[in-house]
Amino acid sequence: MWKNWALAVCAGWFAITAVANEVGHIKVAKGTATIQRGAEKIAAAPGMKVFAADVLTTGASSAVGVTFLDNSLISTGPNSVFAIDQYTFDSTTHVGKFDGNLRKGTLAAVSGKMVKQLPESMRIRTPSSIMGVRGTEFVVKVDEAPVGP
């Protein structure tokens, strides 16, 4: 009896830990869209879970859209690289933190519940700037750095 109870508690803890890193899911994937998860590269498909520390990459004529746990929406356009650096969200208090990094390409976003609760909770970095998101919708584009002097 004691062993069964201990196993049930451990299994529940591992389930909570695994779900804790899930931050949303792929809503739309068009063309060549991938998720870099550690050393693994996975083709993005609608319904796939997205985790903190994932990097979303799109090829030419491609796009990927993600719905996050707080109902924030992001969509990357062709030839984009977007990293989810940090994402936490409490569904009861709507307090959270979302730090993303658009390394190149385009990103359109609609902020969700956490920004309504705490306006400075969402930040998007680019190679040359950091944006604190205080509104509800924005679009940003990062061009590749010019080559040469």
N, C-alpha and C. Protein backbone atom coordinates (compact mmCIF):
# COMPACT_ATOMS: atom_id res chain seq x y z
N MET A 1 0.83 -1.19 0.00
CA MET A 1 0.00 0.00 0.00
C MET A 1 0.88 1.26 0.00
N TRP A 2 1.87 1.30 0.91
CA TRP A 2 2.75 2.45 1.01
C TRP A 2 3.51 2.68 -0.30
N LYS A 3 3.97 1.59 -0.95
CA LYS A 3 4.69 1.70 -2.22
C LYS A 3 3.79 2.29 -3.30
N ASN A 4 2.56 1.84 -3.37
CA ASN A 4 1.63 2.34 -4.38
C ASN A 4 1.38 3.84 -4.20
N TRP A 5 1.23 4.25 -2.94
CA TRP A 5 0.98 5.66 -2.67
C TRP A 5 2.20 6.50 -3.06
N ALA A 6 3.40 6.01 -2.69
CA ALA A 6 4.64 6.73 -3.02
C ALA A 6 4.83 6.81 -4.53
N LEU A 7 4.54 5.73 -5.24
CA LEU A 7 4.65 5.74 -6.70
C LEU A 7 3.66 6.73 -7.32
N ALA A 8 2.45 6.79 -6.79
CA ALA A 8 1.45 7.72 -7.31
C ALA A 8 1.89 9.16 -7.10
N VAL A 9 2.46 9.47 -5.94
CA VAL A 9 2.93 10.83 -5.66
C VAL A 9 4.07 11.19 -6.61
N CYS A 10 5.03 10.27 -6.79
CA CYS A 10 6.16 10.53 -7.69
C CYS A 10 5.68 10.71 -9.13
N ALA A 11 4.76 9.87 -9.58
CA ALA A 11 4.24 10.00 -10.94
C ALA A 11 3.54 11.33 -11.13
N GLY A 12 2.78 11.76 -10.14
CA GLY A 12 2.10 13.06 -10.21
C GLY A 12 3.09 14.20 -10.26
N TRP A 13 4.17 14.12 -9.47
CA TRP A 13 5.18 15.18 -9.47
C TRP A 13 5.85 15.28 -10.84
N PHE A 14 6.20 14.12 -11.42
CA PHE A 14 6.82 14.14 -12.74
C PHE A 14 5.87 14.69 -13.79
N ALA A 15 4.59 14.38 -13.70
CA ALA A 15 3.60 14.90 -14.66
C ALA A 15 3.50 16.41 -14.55
N ILE A 16 3.48 16.92 -13.32
CA ILE A 16 3.39 18.37 -13.12
C ILE A 16 4.65 19.04 -13.65
N THR A 17 5.82 18.46 -13.40
CA THR A 17 7.07 19.03 -13.88
C THR A 17 7.10 19.07 -15.40
N ALA A 18 6.65 18.00 -16.05
CA ALA A 18 6.66 17.95 -17.52
C ALA A 18 5.73 18.99 -18.09
N VAL A 19 4.55 19.18 -17.49
CA VAL A 19 3.58 20.15 -18.00
C VAL A 19 4.02 21.57 -17.70
N ALA A 20 4.80 21.76 -16.63
CA ALA A 20 5.21 23.10 -16.22
C ALA A 20 5.98 23.83 -17.31
N ASN A 21 6.72 23.10 -18.15
CA ASN A 21 7.50 23.75 -19.19
C ASN A 21 6.71 24.01 -20.46
N GLU A 22 5.53 23.42 -20.58
CA GLU A 22 4.70 23.66 -21.76
C GLU A 22 4.19 25.10 -21.70
N VAL A 23 4.37 25.83 -22.80
CA VAL A 23 3.98 27.23 -22.80
C VAL A 23 2.86 27.55 -23.80
N GLY A 24 2.57 26.62 -24.69
CA GLY A 24 1.52 26.84 -25.68
C GLY A 24 1.52 25.74 -26.71
N HIS A 25 0.90 26.04 -27.86
CA HIS A 25 0.85 25.05 -28.94
C HIS A 25 0.88 25.73 -30.30
N ILE A 26 1.33 24.97 -31.30
CA ILE A 26 1.35 25.47 -32.66
C ILE A 26 -0.08 25.54 -33.16
N LYS A 27 -0.49 26.70 -33.61
CA LYS A 27 -1.83 26.88 -34.16
C LYS A 27 -1.80 26.70 -35.68
N VAL A 28 -0.75 27.25 -36.32
CA VAL A 28 -0.62 27.21 -37.78
C VAL A 28 0.84 26.95 -38.13
N ALA A 29 1.07 26.08 -39.09
CA ALA A 29 2.41 25.86 -39.63
C ALA A 29 2.29 25.73 -41.14
N LYS A 30 3.03 26.58 -41.85
CA LYS A 30 2.97 26.60 -43.31
C LYS A 30 4.39 26.51 -43.86
N GLY A 31 4.57 25.67 -44.84
CA GLY A 31 5.89 25.54 -45.46
C GLY A 31 6.86 24.80 -44.56
N THR A 32 8.11 25.24 -44.60
CA THR A 32 9.16 24.62 -43.81
C THR A 32 9.29 25.36 -42.49
N ALA A 33 8.66 24.83 -41.45
CA ALA A 33 8.72 25.42 -40.12
C ALA A 33 9.20 24.35 -39.15
N THR A 34 10.18 24.69 -38.33
CA THR A 34 10.73 23.71 -37.39
C THR A 34 10.80 24.28 -35.99
N ILE A 35 10.90 23.36 -35.04
CA ILE A 35 11.14 23.70 -33.64
C ILE A 35 12.47 23.08 -33.25
N GLN A 36 13.38 23.89 -32.80
CA GLN A 36 14.65 23.41 -32.27
C GLN A 36 14.45 23.25 -30.77
N ARG A 37 14.55 22.03 -30.27
CA ARG A 37 14.36 21.73 -28.85
C ARG A 37 15.61 21.01 -28.37
N GLY A 38 16.51 21.77 -27.77
CA GLY A 38 17.81 21.19 -27.41
C GLY A 38 18.55 20.84 -28.68
N ALA A 39 19.02 19.60 -28.79
CA ALA A 39 19.74 19.16 -29.98
C ALA A 39 18.80 18.62 -31.05
N GLU A 40 17.52 18.53 -30.73
CA GLU A 40 16.54 17.94 -31.64
C GLU A 40 15.85 19.02 -32.48
N LYS A 41 15.70 18.74 -33.78
CA LYS A 41 14.98 19.63 -34.69
C LYS A 41 13.74 18.88 -35.16
N ILE A 42 12.55 19.47 -34.92
CA ILE A 42 11.28 18.81 -35.18
C ILE A 42 10.47 19.65 -36.16
N ALA A 43 9.85 19.00 -37.14
CA ALA A 43 8.95 19.72 -38.05
C ALA A 43 7.74 20.21 -37.27
N ALA A 44 7.43 21.49 -37.39
CA ALA A 44 6.29 22.08 -36.68
C ALA A 44 4.99 21.68 -37.38
N ALA A 45 3.99 21.34 -36.57
CA ALA A 45 2.69 20.96 -37.10
C ALA A 45 1.61 21.46 -36.16
N PRO A 46 0.44 21.84 -36.69
CA PRO A 46 -0.64 22.31 -35.83
C PRO A 46 -0.95 21.31 -34.71
N GLY A 47 -1.15 21.84 -33.51
CA GLY A 47 -1.46 21.02 -32.36
C GLY A 47 -0.26 20.63 -31.53
N MET A 48 0.97 20.77 -32.07
CA MET A 48 2.18 20.41 -31.30
C MET A 48 2.35 21.34 -30.11
N LYS A 49 2.83 20.77 -29.01
CA LYS A 49 3.13 21.56 -27.83
C LYS A 49 4.41 22.36 -28.05
N VAL A 50 4.45 23.54 -27.46
CA VAL A 50 5.63 24.40 -27.51
C VAL A 50 6.10 24.56 -26.07
N PHE A 51 7.42 24.51 -25.88
CA PHE A 51 8.00 24.57 -24.55
C PHE A 51 8.92 25.77 -24.40
N ALA A 52 9.14 26.18 -23.14
CA ALA A 52 10.11 27.24 -22.86
C ALA A 52 11.45 26.77 -23.39
N ALA A 53 12.21 27.65 -23.98
CA ALA A 53 13.53 27.42 -24.57
C ALA A 53 13.46 26.86 -25.99
N ASP A 54 12.27 26.65 -26.56
CA ASP A 54 12.17 26.25 -27.96
C ASP A 54 12.58 27.40 -28.87
N VAL A 55 13.12 27.07 -30.03
CA VAL A 55 13.45 28.06 -31.05
C VAL A 55 12.65 27.70 -32.30
N LEU A 56 11.83 28.64 -32.76
CA LEU A 56 11.00 28.45 -33.94
C LEU A 56 11.73 29.02 -35.15
N THR A 57 11.82 28.22 -36.22
CA THR A 57 12.53 28.64 -37.43
C THR A 57 11.63 28.40 -38.64
N THR A 58 11.61 29.37 -39.54
CA THR A 58 10.83 29.21 -40.78
C THR A 58 11.74 29.40 -41.98
N GLY A 59 11.42 28.70 -43.06
CA GLY A 59 12.14 28.85 -44.31
C GLY A 59 11.45 29.86 -45.20
N ALA A 60 11.90 29.97 -46.45
CA ALA A 60 11.28 30.86 -47.43
C ALA A 60 9.83 30.45 -47.63
N SER A 61 8.96 31.40 -47.80
CA SER A 61 7.52 31.17 -48.02
C SER A 61 6.90 30.32 -46.91
N SER A 62 7.38 30.49 -45.69
CA SER A 62 6.89 29.71 -44.55
C SER A 62 6.44 30.62 -43.43
N ALA A 63 5.64 30.06 -42.51
CA ALA A 63 5.17 30.81 -41.34
C ALA A 63 4.79 29.82 -40.26
N VAL A 64 4.83 30.28 -39.03
CA VAL A 64 4.36 29.47 -37.90
C VAL A 64 3.66 30.40 -36.92
N GLY A 65 2.53 29.94 -36.38
CA GLY A 65 1.76 30.71 -35.40
C GLY A 65 1.61 29.90 -34.13
N VAL A 66 1.79 30.56 -32.99
CA VAL A 66 1.71 29.90 -31.68
C VAL A 66 0.69 30.63 -30.81
N THR A 67 -0.14 29.84 -30.13
CA THR A 67 -1.03 30.36 -29.09
C THR A 67 -0.44 29.96 -27.75
N PHE A 68 -0.17 30.94 -26.89
CA PHE A 68 0.42 30.68 -25.59
C PHE A 68 -0.66 30.49 -24.53
N LEU A 69 -0.25 30.00 -23.36
CA LEU A 69 -1.18 29.68 -22.28
C LEU A 69 -2.02 30.87 -21.83
N ASP A 70 -1.48 32.08 -21.94
CA ASP A 70 -2.23 33.28 -21.53
C ASP A 70 -3.02 33.89 -22.69
N ASN A 71 -3.11 33.15 -23.79
CA ASN A 71 -3.78 33.59 -25.02
C ASN A 71 -3.01 34.63 -25.81
N SER A 72 -1.73 34.83 -25.51
CA SER A 72 -0.88 35.63 -26.38
C SER A 72 -0.73 34.86 -27.69
N LEU A 73 -0.62 35.59 -28.78
CA LEU A 73 -0.44 34.99 -30.10
C LEU A 73 0.81 35.56 -30.73
N ILE A 74 1.62 34.70 -31.32
CA ILE A 74 2.74 35.18 -32.11
C ILE A 74 2.73 34.45 -33.45
N SER A 75 3.16 35.16 -34.46
CA SER A 75 3.26 34.58 -35.79
C SER A 75 4.57 35.05 -36.41
N THR A 76 5.39 34.09 -36.83
CA THR A 76 6.63 34.44 -37.51
C THR A 76 6.46 34.25 -39.00
N GLY A 77 7.06 35.14 -39.76
CA GLY A 77 6.96 35.07 -41.21
C GLY A 77 8.12 34.30 -41.81
N PRO A 78 8.31 34.44 -43.13
CA PRO A 78 9.37 33.72 -43.84
C PRO A 78 10.76 34.05 -43.32
N ASN A 79 11.64 33.04 -43.37
CA ASN A 79 13.05 33.20 -43.00
C ASN A 79 13.23 33.85 -41.63
N SER A 80 12.50 33.35 -40.65
CA SER A 80 12.56 33.91 -39.30
C SER A 80 13.13 32.91 -38.31
N VAL A 81 13.72 33.46 -37.25
CA VAL A 81 14.20 32.67 -36.13
C VAL A 81 13.75 33.38 -34.86
N PHE A 82 12.90 32.70 -34.07
CA PHE A 82 12.35 33.27 -32.84
C PHE A 82 12.57 32.30 -31.69
N ALA A 83 13.25 32.76 -30.64
CA ALA A 83 13.54 31.93 -29.47
C ALA A 83 12.64 32.34 -28.31
N ILE A 84 12.09 31.36 -27.64
CA ILE A 84 11.31 31.61 -26.42
C ILE A 84 12.31 31.48 -25.27
N ASP A 85 12.82 32.60 -24.80
CA ASP A 85 13.85 32.59 -23.76
C ASP A 85 13.27 32.25 -22.40
N GLN A 86 12.11 32.81 -22.09
CA GLN A 86 11.47 32.55 -20.79
C GLN A 86 9.97 32.72 -20.94
N TYR A 87 9.22 31.84 -20.31
CA TYR A 87 7.77 31.98 -20.29
C TYR A 87 7.24 31.33 -19.02
N THR A 88 6.59 32.12 -18.20
CA THR A 88 5.89 31.61 -17.03
C THR A 88 4.53 32.28 -17.00
N PHE A 89 3.53 31.57 -16.51
CA PHE A 89 2.18 32.14 -16.44
C PHE A 89 1.38 31.42 -15.38
N ASP A 90 0.76 32.19 -14.49
CA ASP A 90 -0.12 31.65 -13.47
C ASP A 90 -1.55 31.89 -13.94
N SER A 91 -2.27 30.82 -14.25
CA SER A 91 -3.62 30.97 -14.81
C SER A 91 -4.62 31.51 -13.80
N THR A 92 -4.30 31.48 -12.52
CA THR A 92 -5.21 32.01 -11.50
C THR A 92 -5.05 33.53 -11.35
N THR A 93 -3.80 33.98 -11.24
CA THR A 93 -3.55 35.42 -11.02
C THR A 93 -3.27 36.18 -12.30
N HIS A 94 -2.99 35.46 -13.38
CA HIS A 94 -2.60 36.02 -14.69
C HIS A 94 -1.26 36.74 -14.64
N VAL A 95 -0.47 36.47 -13.63
CA VAL A 95 0.88 37.03 -13.52
C VAL A 95 1.83 36.10 -14.26
N GLY A 96 2.76 36.70 -15.00
CA GLY A 96 3.72 35.89 -15.73
C GLY A 96 4.84 36.72 -16.31
N LYS A 97 5.66 36.07 -17.08
CA LYS A 97 6.78 36.74 -17.75
C LYS A 97 7.03 36.04 -19.07
N PHE A 98 7.18 36.83 -20.12
CA PHE A 98 7.42 36.31 -21.46
C PHE A 98 8.58 37.09 -22.05
N ASP A 99 9.71 36.42 -22.23
CA ASP A 99 10.88 37.00 -22.88
C ASP A 99 11.14 36.20 -24.15
N GLY A 100 11.12 36.88 -25.29
CA GLY A 100 11.39 36.24 -26.57
C GLY A 100 12.53 36.95 -27.26
N ASN A 101 13.10 36.30 -28.27
CA ASN A 101 14.23 36.86 -28.99
C ASN A 101 14.04 36.61 -30.48
N LEU A 102 13.73 37.68 -31.21
CA LEU A 102 13.61 37.59 -32.67
C LEU A 102 15.00 37.83 -33.24
N ARG A 103 15.66 36.75 -33.67
CA ARG A 103 17.02 36.83 -34.18
C ARG A 103 17.07 37.34 -35.61
N LYS A 104 16.05 36.96 -36.40
CA LYS A 104 15.92 37.50 -37.75
C LYS A 104 14.51 37.22 -38.25
N GLY A 105 14.10 37.98 -39.27
CA GLY A 105 12.79 37.77 -39.87
C GLY A 105 11.73 38.71 -39.33
N THR A 106 10.48 38.25 -39.36
CA THR A 106 9.35 39.08 -38.93
C THR A 106 8.55 38.36 -37.85
N LEU A 107 7.94 39.18 -37.00
CA LEU A 107 7.11 38.67 -35.92
C LEU A 107 5.92 39.60 -35.74
N ALA A 108 4.75 39.02 -35.71
CA ALA A 108 3.54 39.76 -35.36
C ALA A 108 3.04 39.15 -34.06
N ALA A 109 2.58 39.98 -33.14
CA ALA A 109 2.14 39.47 -31.84
C ALA A 109 0.90 40.21 -31.35
N VAL A 110 0.11 39.48 -30.61
CA VAL A 110 -1.03 40.04 -29.88
C VAL A 110 -0.83 39.57 -28.45
N SER A 111 -0.69 40.52 -27.53
CA SER A 111 -0.43 40.14 -26.13
C SER A 111 -1.68 39.56 -25.50
N GLY A 112 -1.46 38.77 -24.45
CA GLY A 112 -2.56 38.07 -23.79
C GLY A 112 -2.82 38.59 -22.38
N LYS A 113 -3.29 37.69 -21.55
CA LYS A 113 -3.74 38.04 -20.20
C LYS A 113 -2.64 38.59 -19.30
N MET A 114 -1.41 38.07 -19.44
CA MET A 114 -0.36 38.55 -18.53
C MET A 114 -0.03 40.02 -18.74
N VAL A 115 -0.08 40.49 -19.98
CA VAL A 115 0.21 41.91 -20.25
C VAL A 115 -0.93 42.78 -19.75
N LYS A 116 -2.14 42.28 -19.81
CA LYS A 116 -3.27 43.03 -19.26
C LYS A 116 -3.12 43.16 -17.74
N GLN A 117 -2.61 42.12 -17.09
CA GLN A 117 -2.42 42.13 -15.64
C GLN A 117 -1.21 42.98 -15.24
N LEU A 118 -0.10 42.81 -15.95
CA LEU A 118 1.14 43.51 -15.64
C LEU A 118 1.80 43.92 -16.95
N PRO A 119 1.62 45.18 -17.38
CA PRO A 119 2.05 45.61 -18.72
C PRO A 119 3.51 45.33 -19.06
N GLU A 120 4.41 45.33 -18.09
CA GLU A 120 5.82 45.12 -18.42
C GLU A 120 6.24 43.66 -18.40
N SER A 121 5.31 42.74 -18.43
CA SER A 121 5.63 41.31 -18.33
C SER A 121 6.10 40.68 -19.64
N MET A 122 5.99 41.35 -20.76
CA MET A 122 6.40 40.79 -22.05
C MET A 122 7.49 41.65 -22.67
N ARG A 123 8.60 40.98 -23.04
CA ARG A 123 9.70 41.68 -23.71
C ARG A 123 10.17 40.86 -24.89
N ILE A 124 10.42 41.56 -26.00
CA ILE A 124 10.96 40.92 -27.19
C ILE A 124 12.29 41.59 -27.52
N ARG A 125 13.32 40.77 -27.63
CA ARG A 125 14.65 41.27 -27.98
C ARG A 125 14.87 41.07 -29.48
N THR A 126 15.66 41.95 -30.05
CA THR A 126 16.16 41.81 -31.41
C THR A 126 17.67 42.02 -31.33
N PRO A 127 18.41 41.80 -32.40
CA PRO A 127 19.86 42.01 -32.32
C PRO A 127 20.25 43.44 -31.93
N SER A 128 19.37 44.40 -32.14
CA SER A 128 19.74 45.79 -31.87
C SER A 128 18.85 46.50 -30.85
N SER A 129 17.85 45.82 -30.28
CA SER A 129 16.96 46.52 -29.35
C SER A 129 16.21 45.54 -28.45
N ILE A 130 15.57 46.10 -27.42
CA ILE A 130 14.66 45.36 -26.55
C ILE A 130 13.36 46.14 -26.50
N MET A 131 12.25 45.46 -26.78
CA MET A 131 10.96 46.12 -26.73
C MET A 131 10.19 45.65 -25.51
N GLY A 132 9.75 46.58 -24.70
CA GLY A 132 8.81 46.26 -23.62
C GLY A 132 7.42 46.42 -24.19
N VAL A 133 6.65 45.36 -24.18
CA VAL A 133 5.33 45.38 -24.82
C VAL A 133 4.31 45.88 -23.81
N ARG A 134 3.73 47.04 -24.08
CA ARG A 134 2.73 47.58 -23.18
C ARG A 134 1.38 47.72 -23.88
N GLY A 135 1.37 47.56 -25.16
CA GLY A 135 0.12 47.61 -25.92
C GLY A 135 -0.40 46.21 -26.14
N THR A 136 -1.26 46.06 -27.10
CA THR A 136 -1.83 44.74 -27.32
C THR A 136 -1.36 44.08 -28.61
N GLU A 137 -0.98 44.87 -29.62
CA GLU A 137 -0.55 44.30 -30.89
C GLU A 137 0.69 45.03 -31.39
N PHE A 138 1.60 44.27 -32.00
CA PHE A 138 2.77 44.89 -32.61
C PHE A 138 3.34 43.98 -33.68
N VAL A 139 4.14 44.57 -34.56
CA VAL A 139 4.85 43.85 -35.61
C VAL A 139 6.28 44.36 -35.59
N VAL A 140 7.24 43.44 -35.75
CA VAL A 140 8.63 43.84 -35.80
C VAL A 140 9.34 43.04 -36.89
N LYS A 141 10.33 43.68 -37.51
CA LYS A 141 11.10 43.04 -38.57
C LYS A 141 12.58 43.23 -38.28
N VAL A 142 13.34 42.14 -38.40
CA VAL A 142 14.78 42.20 -38.23
C VAL A 142 15.41 41.78 -39.55
N ASP A 143 16.12 42.74 -40.18
CA ASP A 143 16.82 42.44 -41.42
C ASP A 143 18.16 41.79 -41.08
N GLU A 144 18.64 40.97 -42.00
CA GLU A 144 19.95 40.39 -41.81
C GLU A 144 20.98 41.50 -41.84
N ALA A 145 22.03 41.35 -41.03
CA ALA A 145 23.08 42.37 -40.98
C ALA A 145 23.78 42.47 -42.32
N PRO A 146 24.09 43.69 -42.76
CA PRO A 146 24.79 43.85 -44.03
C PRO A 146 26.20 43.25 -43.95
N VAL A 147 26.67 42.73 -45.03
CA VAL A 147 28.00 42.14 -45.09
C VAL A 147 28.97 43.19 -45.59
N GLY A 148 30.13 43.26 -44.96
CA GLY A 148 31.15 44.22 -45.39
C GLY A 148 31.16 45.48 -44.57
N PRO A 149 32.09 46.40 -44.90
CA PRO A 149 32.25 47.64 -44.12
C PRO A 149 31.15 48.64 -44.33
